[in-house]
Amino acid sequence: MKQEDPAGVQSDRRSHKRFRVKEGALAFLDTVPGTIVDISEGGMAIHYVVFEREPERQFRLDIFFAE
């Protein structure tokens, strides 16, 4: 989460350092594919699009990295 101080400078208040992944790293939320943006000890950012429904609260996550 980014926070702005009184001088207008933004700082990142995350608990864990986030790491970018190689382009082409994929994650599947059940059968919905998405691209991994970054990953940390506390979580992962994924871009994906679902047109017909929201994902379930519990889902299977598969991760694939290209060599």
Protein backbone atom coordinates (compact mmCIF):
# COMPACT_ATOMS: atom_id res chain seq x y z
CA MET A 1 0.00 0.00 0.00
CA LYS A 2 1.40 3.37 -0.95
CA GLN A 3 1.13 6.26 1.51
CA GLU A 4 1.89 9.92 0.84
CA ASP A 5 3.67 11.94 3.50
CA PRO A 6 2.98 15.67 4.10
CA ALA A 7 5.74 16.62 1.61
CA GLY A 8 3.98 14.61 -1.12
CA VAL A 9 6.54 11.79 -1.23
CA GLN A 10 5.12 8.28 -1.62
CA SER A 11 6.45 5.38 0.44
CA ASP A 12 5.64 1.67 0.28
CA ARG A 13 4.41 0.21 3.59
CA ARG A 14 4.34 -3.46 2.57
CA SER A 15 5.56 -6.04 5.08
CA HIS A 16 7.44 -8.11 2.48
CA LYS A 17 9.60 -7.11 -0.47
CA ARG A 18 7.88 -7.76 -3.82
CA PHE A 19 9.77 -9.34 -6.72
CA ARG A 20 8.94 -8.99 -10.41
CA VAL A 21 8.76 -12.26 -12.35
CA LYS A 22 9.85 -13.07 -15.88
CA GLU A 23 7.45 -12.10 -18.64
CA GLY A 24 5.25 -15.06 -19.52
CA ALA A 25 4.84 -16.38 -15.95
CA LEU A 26 1.29 -17.73 -15.73
CA ALA A 27 -1.05 -18.62 -12.89
CA PHE A 28 -4.31 -20.53 -13.28
CA LEU A 29 -7.13 -19.85 -10.81
CA ASP A 30 -8.96 -23.12 -11.38
CA THR A 31 -9.34 -22.88 -15.18
CA VAL A 32 -8.94 -19.08 -15.50
CA PRO A 33 -5.45 -18.08 -16.77
CA GLY A 34 -3.69 -14.94 -15.58
CA THR A 35 -0.25 -13.37 -15.78
CA ILE A 36 1.83 -12.99 -12.61
CA VAL A 37 2.88 -9.37 -12.01
CA ASP A 38 4.95 -9.80 -8.86
CA ILE A 39 5.30 -12.13 -5.89
CA SER A 40 6.34 -11.85 -2.24
CA GLU A 41 6.40 -13.92 0.92
CA GLY A 42 2.96 -12.53 1.75
CA GLY A 43 1.20 -12.87 -1.60
CA MET A 44 1.12 -12.51 -5.35
CA ALA A 45 -0.32 -9.98 -7.82
CA ILE A 46 -2.06 -11.52 -10.83
CA HIS A 47 -3.78 -9.89 -13.82
CA TYR A 48 -6.70 -11.94 -15.12
CA VAL A 49 -10.08 -11.36 -16.73
CA VAL A 50 -13.33 -13.18 -15.97
CA PHE A 51 -16.33 -12.21 -18.07
CA GLU A 52 -19.08 -14.53 -16.88
CA ARG A 53 -18.52 -15.01 -13.13
CA GLU A 54 -16.48 -14.12 -10.06
CA PRO A 55 -13.95 -16.76 -8.89
CA GLU A 56 -14.86 -18.96 -5.93
CA ARG A 57 -13.47 -18.10 -2.50
CA GLN A 58 -11.48 -21.36 -2.57
CA PHE A 59 -9.73 -22.30 -5.78
CA ARG A 60 -6.83 -24.31 -7.09
CA LEU A 61 -3.74 -22.26 -8.06
CA ASP A 62 -1.23 -23.62 -10.61
CA ILE A 63 1.87 -21.58 -11.51
CA PHE A 64 3.92 -21.99 -14.70
CA PHE A 65 7.23 -20.31 -15.60
CA ALA A 66 8.75 -20.32 -19.09
CA GLU A 67 12.44 -21.17 -19.36
